[in-house]
Amino acid sequence: KEYAQKLKEHGYQRKAIAFKLYDDIPAHAEPYGDDVSFHCAIAAELWEEGKKPVYITNANILCGGAVFSGIGNRKVIKEEFDGGMEQTIGVERGYATRQVFRRVNQQLPHHFKHHKYQVIGALEDVEAPDVVMIVADARKVQRLCKAYTWETGELVHGASGTAWCNSAFPPVFRTRTMSFTMGDEQSRILMGLDDGDMYCMIHYSVLPLVIENLDNIQTGLAT
C-alpha cells in the first residue's frame, strides 16, 4: 500500500497492477470463473472501481499471454489455432506472415516451468507480487526508468513491435529488473490507453528502489 500511495503522490493516476504466480489455489483472491478473454483485457478490468484481486488459469486466456506470463498455454485444436492465425497474419493484422510471427517469438525468452494460477490485482491488494505494471504517459515512464538507472547505473531496455504480453513479461522475468513497451494496437484498445501512454513493467524486487528514487532524480533543468 505504501508503494501504491507513493506512486499516486507522484502523479501516477492509474492504479499499478500486480501479478503473482501460484501453484496452489490463492487464498486471497477470487476465481475469475469460466469466462475467457485476452490477458490484457482481464488485467484492464482491475482498473474498475472496487475491483478485487482475481486469479486465472491458462483456461481463461485466449492469447499467448498465458505462456509469456508463466502459466502456460491451454491446449487448442487445429481449427481454433488456424482461426487465431487468420486474425493474426496478413494485411491489417499483426504480422505479414507466419514466418515473421515465428521470428518474433524466437526473440522472446520463455518460461520452462509453468505455474497453475496467476493472481492479478491492484498493487495495494497483492502481497509481494512477482511483477508490477504501471501505465502512464511517456514522461512518467521515463522518470521510472531514470529512478532505476540513477542508483544502479544500469540502462533500462524496452521491447516493442509485438503484443503487450509478449513484450512486457519476458524481459522482466529474465533480468529481474524492469522494462517498458508501447504494446500493440489490440492491447492498447482493449486496455483503454491514451495515445501518449506506455507500459512499464517492474520486477517487485527492484520496485522499492525505483519508487524511493522518484524523490531523488532531477526534475526540470539543472541549476
C-alpha atoms as a PDB file:
ATOM      1  CA  LYS A   1       0.000   0.000   0.000  1.00  0.00           C
ATOM      2  CA  GLU A   2       2.928   2.318   0.731  1.00  0.00           C
ATOM      3  CA  TYR A   3       4.259   1.940  -2.825  1.00  0.00           C
ATOM      4  CA  ALA A   4       0.839   2.487  -4.373  1.00  0.00           C
ATOM      5  CA  GLN A   5       0.367   5.646  -2.310  1.00  0.00           C
ATOM      6  CA  LYS A   6       3.802   6.946  -3.285  1.00  0.00           C
ATOM      7  CA  LEU A   7       3.027   6.493  -6.967  1.00  0.00           C
ATOM      8  CA  LYS A   8      -0.206   8.397  -6.519  1.00  0.00           C
ATOM      9  CA  GLU A   9       1.654  11.252  -4.816  1.00  0.00           C
ATOM     10  CA  HIS A  10       3.952  11.447  -7.828  1.00  0.00           C
ATOM     11  CA  GLY A  11       1.031  11.838 -10.202  1.00  0.00           C
ATOM     12  CA  TYR A  12       0.587   8.283 -11.472  1.00  0.00           C
ATOM     13  CA  GLN A  13      -3.167   8.257 -11.897  1.00  0.00           C
ATOM     14  CA  ARG A  14      -3.888   4.694 -12.978  1.00  0.00           C
ATOM     15  CA  LYS A  15      -3.571   2.029 -10.320  1.00  0.00           C
ATOM     16  CA  ALA A  16      -0.457  -0.106 -10.637  1.00  0.00           C
ATOM     17  CA  ILE A  17      -1.458  -3.689 -11.451  1.00  0.00           C
ATOM     18  CA  ALA A  18       0.352  -6.568  -9.740  1.00  0.00           C
ATOM     19  CA  PHE A  19       0.814 -10.138 -10.995  1.00  0.00           C
ATOM     20  CA  LYS A  20       1.772 -13.125  -8.856  1.00  0.00           C
ATOM     21  CA  LEU A  21       2.185 -16.799  -9.791  1.00  0.00           C
ATOM     22  CA  TYR A  22       0.983 -19.675  -7.615  1.00  0.00           C
ATOM     23  CA  ASP A  23       0.994 -23.466  -7.742  1.00  0.00           C
ATOM     24  CA  ASP A  24      -1.766 -23.770  -5.136  1.00  0.00           C
ATOM     25  CA  ILE A  25      -5.138 -22.034  -5.188  1.00  0.00           C
ATOM     26  CA  PRO A  26      -4.541 -18.481  -3.914  1.00  0.00           C
ATOM     27  CA  ALA A  27      -6.281 -17.754  -0.629  1.00  0.00           C
ATOM     28  CA  HIS A  28      -6.717 -14.004  -1.009  1.00  0.00           C
ATOM     29  CA  ALA A  29      -8.188 -13.713  -4.489  1.00  0.00           C
ATOM     30  CA  GLU A  30     -11.440 -14.643  -6.165  1.00  0.00           C
ATOM     31  CA  PRO A  31     -11.563 -17.089  -9.099  1.00  0.00           C
ATOM     32  CA  TYR A  32     -12.092 -15.409 -12.441  1.00  0.00           C
ATOM     33  CA  GLY A  33     -14.614 -18.104 -13.272  1.00  0.00           C
ATOM     34  CA  ASP A  34     -15.228 -19.757 -16.612  1.00  0.00           C
ATOM     35  CA  ASP A  35     -15.034 -16.597 -18.714  1.00  0.00           C
ATOM     36  CA  VAL A  36     -12.422 -16.457 -21.460  1.00  0.00           C
ATOM     37  CA  SER A  37     -10.731 -13.263 -22.655  1.00  0.00           C
ATOM     38  CA  PHE A  38      -7.437 -11.738 -23.732  1.00  0.00           C
ATOM     39  CA  HIS A  39      -4.846 -11.401 -20.988  1.00  0.00           C
ATOM     40  CA  CYS A  40      -4.587  -7.642 -21.450  1.00  0.00           C
ATOM     41  CA  ALA A  41      -8.366  -7.242 -21.231  1.00  0.00           C
ATOM     42  CA  ILE A  42      -8.507  -9.225 -17.985  1.00  0.00           C
ATOM     43  CA  ALA A  43      -5.727  -7.079 -16.490  1.00  0.00           C
ATOM     44  CA  ALA A  44      -7.559  -3.903 -17.524  1.00  0.00           C
ATOM     45  CA  GLU A  45     -10.631  -4.969 -15.552  1.00  0.00           C
ATOM     46  CA  LEU A  46      -8.632  -4.345 -12.382  1.00  0.00           C
ATOM     47  CA  TRP A  47      -8.792  -0.596 -13.064  1.00  0.00           C
ATOM     48  CA  GLU A  48     -12.524  -0.722 -12.415  1.00  0.00           C
ATOM     49  CA  GLU A  49     -13.534   0.924  -9.153  1.00  0.00           C
ATOM     50  CA  GLY A  50     -13.745  -1.523  -6.270  1.00  0.00           C
ATOM     51  CA  LYS A  51     -12.384  -4.460  -8.263  1.00  0.00           C
ATOM     52  CA  LYS A  52     -10.748  -7.070  -6.030  1.00  0.00           C
ATOM     53  CA  PRO A  53      -7.863  -9.383  -6.993  1.00  0.00           C
ATOM     54  CA  VAL A  54      -8.761 -12.368  -9.130  1.00  0.00           C
ATOM     55  CA  TYR A  55      -6.880 -15.489 -10.062  1.00  0.00           C
ATOM     56  CA  ILE A  56      -6.816 -17.011 -13.511  1.00  0.00           C
ATOM     57  CA  THR A  57      -5.544 -20.174 -15.176  1.00  0.00           C
ATOM     58  CA  ASN A  58      -4.464 -20.683 -18.754  1.00  0.00           C
ATOM     59  CA  ALA A  59      -8.031 -21.807 -19.494  1.00  0.00           C
ATOM     60  CA  ASN A  60      -9.169 -18.191 -19.078  1.00  0.00           C
ATOM     61  CA  ILE A  61      -6.851 -16.777 -21.733  1.00  0.00           C
ATOM     62  CA  LEU A  62      -7.411 -16.667 -25.489  1.00  0.00           C
ATOM     63  CA  CYS A  63      -3.932 -15.452 -26.441  1.00  0.00           C
ATOM     64  CA  GLY A  64      -0.238 -16.068 -25.798  1.00  0.00           C
ATOM     65  CA  GLY A  65      -0.323 -14.027 -22.612  1.00  0.00           C
ATOM     66  CA  ALA A  66      -0.582 -17.193 -20.542  1.00  0.00           C
ATOM     67  CA  VAL A  67       2.669 -18.719 -21.747  1.00  0.00           C
ATOM     68  CA  PHE A  68       4.603 -15.445 -21.658  1.00  0.00           C
ATOM     69  CA  SER A  69       3.452 -14.590 -18.134  1.00  0.00           C
ATOM     70  CA  GLY A  70       4.164 -18.000 -16.636  1.00  0.00           C
ATOM     71  CA  ILE A  71       1.008 -20.144 -16.590  1.00  0.00           C
ATOM     72  CA  GLY A  72       1.412 -21.932 -19.930  1.00  0.00           C
ATOM     73  CA  ASN A  73      -0.947 -22.151 -22.871  1.00  0.00           C
ATOM     74  CA  ARG A  74      -4.032 -24.299 -22.813  1.00  0.00           C
ATOM     75  CA  LYS A  75      -4.323 -26.965 -25.493  1.00  0.00           C
ATOM     76  CA  VAL A  76      -6.099 -25.830 -28.634  1.00  0.00           C
ATOM     77  CA  ILE A  77      -7.464 -27.834 -31.533  1.00  0.00           C
ATOM     78  CA  LYS A  78      -6.191 -27.232 -35.067  1.00  0.00           C
ATOM     79  CA  GLU A  79      -9.323 -25.392 -36.173  1.00  0.00           C
ATOM     80  CA  GLU A  80      -9.063 -22.986 -33.255  1.00  0.00           C
ATOM     81  CA  PHE A  81      -5.363 -22.395 -33.941  1.00  0.00           C
ATOM     82  CA  ASP A  82      -5.975 -21.743 -37.631  1.00  0.00           C
ATOM     83  CA  GLY A  83      -8.780 -19.329 -36.748  1.00  0.00           C
ATOM     84  CA  GLY A  84      -6.436 -17.429 -34.473  1.00  0.00           C
ATOM     85  CA  MET A  85      -3.814 -17.256 -37.203  1.00  0.00           C
ATOM     86  CA  GLU A  86      -6.342 -15.786 -39.621  1.00  0.00           C
ATOM     87  CA  GLN A  87      -6.855 -12.910 -37.191  1.00  0.00           C
ATOM     88  CA  THR A  88      -3.101 -12.506 -36.663  1.00  0.00           C
ATOM     89  CA  ILE A  89      -1.450 -12.879 -40.074  1.00  0.00           C
ATOM     90  CA  GLY A  90      -1.778 -10.634 -43.122  1.00  0.00           C
ATOM     91  CA  VAL A  91      -2.501  -7.079 -44.180  1.00  0.00           C
ATOM     92  CA  GLU A  92      -4.064  -5.001 -41.383  1.00  0.00           C
ATOM     93  CA  ARG A  93      -3.214  -7.808 -38.943  1.00  0.00           C
ATOM     94  CA  GLY A  94      -0.333  -8.246 -36.508  1.00  0.00           C
ATOM     95  CA  TYR A  95       2.322  -9.778 -38.778  1.00  0.00           C
ATOM     96  CA  ALA A  96       2.966 -10.156 -42.506  1.00  0.00           C
ATOM     97  CA  THR A  97       3.466 -13.941 -42.480  1.00  0.00           C
ATOM     98  CA  ARG A  98       3.602 -16.897 -40.108  1.00  0.00           C
ATOM     99  CA  GLN A  99       7.369 -16.925 -40.575  1.00  0.00           C
ATOM    100  CA  VAL A 100       7.550 -13.347 -39.270  1.00  0.00           C
ATOM    101  CA  PHE A 101       5.337 -14.274 -36.307  1.00  0.00           C
ATOM    102  CA  ARG A 102       7.618 -17.220 -35.529  1.00  0.00           C
ATOM    103  CA  ARG A 103      10.682 -14.977 -35.779  1.00  0.00           C
ATOM    104  CA  VAL A 104       9.185 -12.566 -33.251  1.00  0.00           C
ATOM    105  CA  ASN A 105       8.524 -15.343 -30.752  1.00  0.00           C
ATOM    106  CA  GLN A 106      12.032 -16.741 -31.193  1.00  0.00           C
ATOM    107  CA  GLN A 107      13.414 -13.462 -29.849  1.00  0.00           C
ATOM    108  CA  LEU A 108      11.495 -13.701 -26.573  1.00  0.00           C
ATOM    109  CA  PRO A 109      12.556 -15.713 -23.514  1.00  0.00           C
ATOM    110  CA  HIS A 110      10.028 -18.341 -22.443  1.00  0.00           C
ATOM    111  CA  HIS A 111       9.070 -19.925 -19.145  1.00  0.00           C
ATOM    112  CA  PHE A 112      10.203 -23.520 -18.902  1.00  0.00           C
ATOM    113  CA  LYS A 113       8.292 -24.059 -15.669  1.00  0.00           C
ATOM    114  CA  HIS A 114       4.614 -23.201 -15.802  1.00  0.00           C
ATOM    115  CA  HIS A 115       2.562 -22.407 -12.730  1.00  0.00           C
ATOM    116  CA  LYS A 116      -1.113 -23.216 -12.260  1.00  0.00           C
ATOM    117  CA  TYR A 117      -2.534 -19.875 -11.207  1.00  0.00           C
ATOM    118  CA  GLN A 118      -1.880 -16.184 -11.607  1.00  0.00           C
ATOM    119  CA  VAL A 119      -3.284 -13.526  -9.311  1.00  0.00           C
ATOM    120  CA  ILE A 120      -3.989 -10.138 -10.873  1.00  0.00           C
ATOM    121  CA  GLY A 121      -4.884  -7.207  -8.648  1.00  0.00           C
ATOM    122  CA  ALA A 122      -4.160  -3.634  -7.724  1.00  0.00           C
ATOM    123  CA  LEU A 123      -0.695  -3.262  -6.197  1.00  0.00           C
ATOM    124  CA  GLU A 124      -2.128  -2.315  -2.812  1.00  0.00           C
ATOM    125  CA  ASP A 125      -4.166  -5.544  -2.729  1.00  0.00           C
ATOM    126  CA  VAL A 126      -1.499  -8.112  -3.674  1.00  0.00           C
ATOM    127  CA  GLU A 127       1.191  -9.025  -1.174  1.00  0.00           C
ATOM    128  CA  ALA A 128       4.740  -9.388  -2.566  1.00  0.00           C
ATOM    129  CA  PRO A 129       3.816  -9.856  -6.244  1.00  0.00           C
ATOM    130  CA  ASP A 130       6.245 -11.066  -8.894  1.00  0.00           C
ATOM    131  CA  VAL A 131       5.933  -8.110 -11.254  1.00  0.00           C
ATOM    132  CA  VAL A 132       4.082  -4.794 -11.305  1.00  0.00           C
ATOM    133  CA  MET A 133       2.691  -2.958 -14.333  1.00  0.00           C
ATOM    134  CA  ILE A 134       2.457   0.826 -14.360  1.00  0.00           C
ATOM    135  CA  VAL A 135       0.705   2.597 -17.242  1.00  0.00           C
ATOM    136  CA  ALA A 136       1.425   6.286 -17.637  1.00  0.00           C
ATOM    137  CA  ASP A 137       2.450   8.908 -20.167  1.00  0.00           C
ATOM    138  CA  ALA A 138       5.936   8.793 -21.673  1.00  0.00           C
ATOM    139  CA  ARG A 139       7.416  11.345 -19.276  1.00  0.00           C
ATOM    140  CA  LYS A 140       6.289   9.438 -16.204  1.00  0.00           C
ATOM    141  CA  VAL A 141       7.619   6.177 -17.613  1.00  0.00           C
ATOM    142  CA  GLN A 142      10.901   7.973 -18.341  1.00  0.00           C
ATOM    143  CA  ARG A 143      11.066   9.023 -14.688  1.00  0.00           C
ATOM    144  CA  LEU A 144      10.576   5.436 -13.521  1.00  0.00           C
ATOM    145  CA  CYS A 145      13.436   4.332 -15.770  1.00  0.00           C
ATOM    146  CA  LYS A 146      15.638   7.187 -14.570  1.00  0.00           C
ATOM    147  CA  ALA A 147      14.876   6.341 -10.943  1.00  0.00           C
ATOM    148  CA  TYR A 148      16.311   2.877 -11.568  1.00  0.00           C
ATOM    149  CA  THR A 149      19.373   3.989 -13.529  1.00  0.00           C
ATOM    150  CA  TRP A 150      20.120   6.879 -11.127  1.00  0.00           C
ATOM    151  CA  GLU A 151      21.232   4.437  -8.432  1.00  0.00           C
ATOM    152  CA  THR A 152      22.187   1.252 -10.301  1.00  0.00           C
ATOM    153  CA  GLY A 153      23.951   2.650 -13.356  1.00  0.00           C
ATOM    154  CA  GLU A 154      22.098   0.076 -15.441  1.00  0.00           C
ATOM    155  CA  LEU A 155      20.167   1.198 -18.505  1.00  0.00           C
ATOM    156  CA  VAL A 156      16.530   0.157 -18.888  1.00  0.00           C
ATOM    157  CA  HIS A 157      15.860  -1.664 -22.157  1.00  0.00           C
ATOM    158  CA  GLY A 158      12.449  -1.591 -23.799  1.00  0.00           C
ATOM    159  CA  ALA A 159      10.829  -4.044 -26.189  1.00  0.00           C
ATOM    160  CA  SER A 160       8.181  -3.212 -28.720  1.00  0.00           C
ATOM    161  CA  GLY A 161       6.747  -4.243 -32.083  1.00  0.00           C
ATOM    162  CA  THR A 162       4.632  -7.081 -30.755  1.00  0.00           C
ATOM    163  CA  ALA A 163       1.797  -7.624 -28.279  1.00  0.00           C
ATOM    164  CA  TRP A 164       1.712  -6.261 -24.730  1.00  0.00           C
ATOM    165  CA  CYS A 165       2.040  -9.671 -23.078  1.00  0.00           C
ATOM    166  CA  ASN A 166       4.929 -10.781 -25.313  1.00  0.00           C
ATOM    167  CA  SER A 167       6.993  -7.657 -24.759  1.00  0.00           C
ATOM    168  CA  ALA A 168       6.074  -6.796 -21.153  1.00  0.00           C
ATOM    169  CA  PHE A 169       6.604 -10.005 -19.153  1.00  0.00           C
ATOM    170  CA  PRO A 170       9.582 -11.945 -20.644  1.00  0.00           C
ATOM    171  CA  PRO A 171      12.308  -9.278 -20.333  1.00  0.00           C
ATOM    172  CA  VAL A 172      11.424  -8.584 -16.708  1.00  0.00           C
ATOM    173  CA  PHE A 173      11.211 -12.221 -15.650  1.00  0.00           C
ATOM    174  CA  ARG A 174      14.571 -12.843 -17.344  1.00  0.00           C
ATOM    175  CA  THR A 175      16.502  -9.853 -15.953  1.00  0.00           C
ATOM    176  CA  ARG A 176      14.578  -9.377 -12.687  1.00  0.00           C
ATOM    177  CA  THR A 177      14.762  -5.624 -13.301  1.00  0.00           C
ATOM    178  CA  MET A 178      12.370  -3.524 -15.404  1.00  0.00           C
ATOM    179  CA  SER A 179      11.372  -2.783 -18.977  1.00  0.00           C
ATOM    180  CA  PHE A 180       8.910  -0.717 -20.984  1.00  0.00           C
ATOM    181  CA  THR A 181       6.817  -1.227 -24.089  1.00  0.00           C
ATOM    182  CA  MET A 182       4.246   0.521 -26.206  1.00  0.00           C
ATOM    183  CA  GLY A 183       2.284  -2.686 -26.722  1.00  0.00           C
ATOM    184  CA  ASP A 184       0.300  -3.145 -29.918  1.00  0.00           C
ATOM    185  CA  GLU A 185      -2.921  -1.844 -31.429  1.00  0.00           C
ATOM    186  CA  GLN A 186      -5.140  -4.531 -29.938  1.00  0.00           C
ATOM    187  CA  SER A 187      -3.793  -4.388 -26.381  1.00  0.00           C
ATOM    188  CA  ARG A 188      -3.904  -0.587 -26.310  1.00  0.00           C
ATOM    189  CA  ILE A 189      -7.546  -0.581 -27.421  1.00  0.00           C
ATOM    190  CA  LEU A 190      -8.635  -3.369 -25.067  1.00  0.00           C
ATOM    191  CA  MET A 191      -6.907  -1.665 -22.140  1.00  0.00           C
ATOM    192  CA  GLY A 192      -8.178   1.815 -22.985  1.00  0.00           C
ATOM    193  CA  LEU A 193      -4.795   3.512 -23.250  1.00  0.00           C
ATOM    194  CA  ASP A 194      -4.480   7.130 -24.360  1.00  0.00           C
ATOM    195  CA  ASP A 195      -2.241   7.919 -27.323  1.00  0.00           C
ATOM    196  CA  GLY A 196       0.659   9.081 -25.146  1.00  0.00           C
ATOM    197  CA  ASP A 197       0.526   6.193 -22.668  1.00  0.00           C
ATOM    198  CA  MET A 198       3.174   3.489 -22.298  1.00  0.00           C
ATOM    199  CA  TYR A 199       3.505   0.343 -20.232  1.00  0.00           C
ATOM    200  CA  CYS A 200       6.259  -0.059 -17.664  1.00  0.00           C
ATOM    201  CA  MET A 201       6.789  -3.490 -16.086  1.00  0.00           C
ATOM    202  CA  ILE A 202       8.905  -3.681 -12.935  1.00  0.00           C
ATOM    203  CA  HIS A 203      10.139  -6.732 -11.056  1.00  0.00           C
ATOM    204  CA  TYR A 204       8.949  -6.430  -7.477  1.00  0.00           C
ATOM    205  CA  SER A 205      12.464  -6.922  -6.106  1.00  0.00           C
ATOM    206  CA  VAL A 206      13.535  -3.544  -7.534  1.00  0.00           C
ATOM    207  CA  LEU A 207      10.238  -1.681  -7.075  1.00  0.00           C
ATOM    208  CA  PRO A 208      11.254  -0.163  -3.682  1.00  0.00           C
ATOM    209  CA  LEU A 209      14.425   1.262  -5.220  1.00  0.00           C
ATOM    210  CA  VAL A 210      12.537   2.760  -8.165  1.00  0.00           C
ATOM    211  CA  ILE A 211       9.843   4.369  -6.054  1.00  0.00           C
ATOM    212  CA  GLU A 212      12.270   5.705  -3.443  1.00  0.00           C
ATOM    213  CA  ASN A 213      14.387   7.344  -6.129  1.00  0.00           C
ATOM    214  CA  LEU A 214      11.474   9.233  -7.656  1.00  0.00           C
ATOM    215  CA  ASP A 215      12.301  11.762  -4.921  1.00  0.00           C
ATOM    216  CA  ASN A 216      15.999  11.810  -5.852  1.00  0.00           C
ATOM    217  CA  ILE A 217      16.071  12.250  -9.597  1.00  0.00           C
ATOM    218  CA  GLN A 218      16.260  15.525 -11.493  1.00  0.00           C
ATOM    219  CA  THR A 219      13.090  17.471 -12.227  1.00  0.00           C
ATOM    220  CA  GLY A 220      13.436  20.312 -14.722  1.00  0.00           C
ATOM    221  CA  LEU A 221      16.727  21.866 -15.840  1.00  0.00           C
ATOM    222  CA  ALA A 222      19.713  21.562 -13.540  1.00  0.00           C
ATOM    223  CA  THR A 223      20.568  24.841 -11.834  1.00  0.00           C
END
